[in-house]
Amino acid sequence: MSVRAKILEVAATLDRIDRGAESESLADDERRSRISQAIDILSRSSGAEGKSRAEDIQQLFSRPYEADWRKIMEV
């Protein structure tokens, strides 16, 4: 049941993005693009290319590492 709930949450998110993008092209929506990429990652076989699906999903939704992040974030 918990997996079902998470999949429903993703479906609802896509529905909201689609409704909100009525005036814009869905192809240009970065959020939808990343979710589509994530679905592709989830659909692949486990252990493909020696990579973890969880790691790839985390990296897809993360900012790239920047050595001077403290300066950039003013921390």
C-alpha atoms as a PDB file:
ATOM      1  CA  MET A   1       0.000   0.000   0.000  1.00  0.00           C
ATOM      2  CA  SER A   2       2.824   2.455   0.675  1.00  0.00           C
ATOM      3  CA  VAL A   3       4.216   1.980  -2.846  1.00  0.00           C
ATOM      4  CA  ARG A   4       0.735   2.556  -4.275  1.00  0.00           C
ATOM      5  CA  ALA A   5       0.463   5.809  -2.316  1.00  0.00           C
ATOM      6  CA  LYS A   6       3.813   7.035  -3.627  1.00  0.00           C
ATOM      7  CA  ILE A   7       2.893   6.217  -7.224  1.00  0.00           C
ATOM      8  CA  LEU A   8      -0.426   8.033  -6.782  1.00  0.00           C
ATOM      9  CA  GLU A   9       1.462  11.050  -5.457  1.00  0.00           C
ATOM     10  CA  VAL A  10       3.639  11.112  -8.580  1.00  0.00           C
ATOM     11  CA  ALA A  11       0.536  10.803 -10.785  1.00  0.00           C
ATOM     12  CA  ALA A  12      -1.155  13.667  -8.938  1.00  0.00           C
ATOM     13  CA  THR A  13       1.971  15.813  -9.306  1.00  0.00           C
ATOM     14  CA  LEU A  14       2.000  15.193 -13.067  1.00  0.00           C
ATOM     15  CA  ASP A  15      -1.693  16.089 -13.246  1.00  0.00           C
ATOM     16  CA  ARG A  16      -1.054  19.385 -11.424  1.00  0.00           C
ATOM     17  CA  ILE A  17       1.880  20.228 -13.703  1.00  0.00           C
ATOM     18  CA  ASP A  18      -0.201  19.445 -16.784  1.00  0.00           C
ATOM     19  CA  ARG A  19      -3.111  21.594 -15.584  1.00  0.00           C
ATOM     20  CA  GLY A  20      -0.793  24.456 -14.674  1.00  0.00           C
ATOM     21  CA  ALA A  21       1.003  24.364 -18.012  1.00  0.00           C
ATOM     22  CA  GLU A  22      -2.085  24.878 -20.184  1.00  0.00           C
ATOM     23  CA  SER A  23      -0.605  28.081 -21.617  1.00  0.00           C
ATOM     24  CA  GLU A  24       2.931  26.708 -21.936  1.00  0.00           C
ATOM     25  CA  SER A  25       4.423  23.785 -23.775  1.00  0.00           C
ATOM     26  CA  LEU A  26       4.820  20.712 -21.563  1.00  0.00           C
ATOM     27  CA  ALA A  27       8.043  19.934 -23.427  1.00  0.00           C
ATOM     28  CA  ASP A  28       9.543  23.079 -21.886  1.00  0.00           C
ATOM     29  CA  ASP A  29       8.578  22.223 -18.301  1.00  0.00           C
ATOM     30  CA  GLU A  30      11.730  21.262 -16.367  1.00  0.00           C
ATOM     31  CA  ARG A  31       9.770  19.576 -13.577  1.00  0.00           C
ATOM     32  CA  ARG A  32       7.909  17.311 -15.971  1.00  0.00           C
ATOM     33  CA  SER A  33      11.111  16.547 -17.840  1.00  0.00           C
ATOM     34  CA  ARG A  34      12.882  15.446 -14.667  1.00  0.00           C
ATOM     35  CA  ILE A  35       9.946  13.311 -13.574  1.00  0.00           C
ATOM     36  CA  SER A  36       9.931  11.636 -16.995  1.00  0.00           C
ATOM     37  CA  GLN A  37      13.663  10.987 -16.695  1.00  0.00           C
ATOM     38  CA  ALA A  38      13.099   9.544 -13.222  1.00  0.00           C
ATOM     39  CA  ILE A  39      10.406   7.204 -14.547  1.00  0.00           C
ATOM     40  CA  ASP A  40      12.871   6.025 -17.204  1.00  0.00           C
ATOM     41  CA  ILE A  41      15.464   5.363 -14.496  1.00  0.00           C
ATOM     42  CA  LEU A  42      12.931   3.445 -12.408  1.00  0.00           C
ATOM     43  CA  SER A  43      11.901   1.370 -15.431  1.00  0.00           C
ATOM     44  CA  ARG A  44      15.359   0.048 -16.164  1.00  0.00           C
ATOM     45  CA  SER A  45      16.667  -3.255 -14.903  1.00  0.00           C
ATOM     46  CA  SER A  46      18.259  -3.330 -11.487  1.00  0.00           C
ATOM     47  CA  GLY A  47      22.011  -3.012 -11.634  1.00  0.00           C
ATOM     48  CA  ALA A  48      22.086  -1.641 -15.176  1.00  0.00           C
ATOM     49  CA  GLU A  49      25.542  -0.259 -15.908  1.00  0.00           C
ATOM     50  CA  GLY A  50      26.521  -1.038 -12.314  1.00  0.00           C
ATOM     51  CA  LYS A  51      24.502   1.911 -11.057  1.00  0.00           C
ATOM     52  CA  SER A  52      21.858   2.149  -8.374  1.00  0.00           C
ATOM     53  CA  ARG A  53      18.473   3.514  -9.423  1.00  0.00           C
ATOM     54  CA  ALA A  54      18.221   5.313  -6.082  1.00  0.00           C
ATOM     55  CA  GLU A  55      21.596   7.005  -6.622  1.00  0.00           C
ATOM     56  CA  ASP A  56      20.633   8.085 -10.130  1.00  0.00           C
ATOM     57  CA  ILE A  57      17.294   9.493  -8.936  1.00  0.00           C
ATOM     58  CA  GLN A  58      19.045  11.390  -6.126  1.00  0.00           C
ATOM     59  CA  GLN A  59      21.522  12.903  -8.568  1.00  0.00           C
ATOM     60  CA  LEU A  60      18.793  13.785 -11.067  1.00  0.00           C
ATOM     61  CA  PHE A  61      17.011  15.939  -8.480  1.00  0.00           C
ATOM     62  CA  SER A  62      20.162  17.371  -6.869  1.00  0.00           C
ATOM     63  CA  ARG A  63      22.266  20.359  -7.702  1.00  0.00           C
ATOM     64  CA  PRO A  64      25.703  19.563  -9.101  1.00  0.00           C
ATOM     65  CA  TYR A  65      28.507  19.780  -6.547  1.00  0.00           C
ATOM     66  CA  GLU A  66      30.390  23.059  -6.517  1.00  0.00           C
ATOM     67  CA  ALA A  67      33.612  23.290  -4.512  1.00  0.00           C
ATOM     68  CA  ASP A  68      32.878  26.903  -3.532  1.00  0.00           C
ATOM     69  CA  TRP A  69      29.303  26.181  -2.431  1.00  0.00           C
ATOM     70  CA  ARG A  70      29.757  28.065   0.846  1.00  0.00           C
ATOM     71  CA  LYS A  71      30.601  31.245  -1.020  1.00  0.00           C
ATOM     72  CA  ILE A  72      27.788  30.736  -3.533  1.00  0.00           C
ATOM     73  CA  MET A  73      25.231  30.057  -0.778  1.00  0.00           C
ATOM     74  CA  GLU A  74      26.731  32.808   1.404  1.00  0.00           C
ATOM     75  CA  VAL A  75      27.256  30.446   4.335  1.00  0.00           C
END
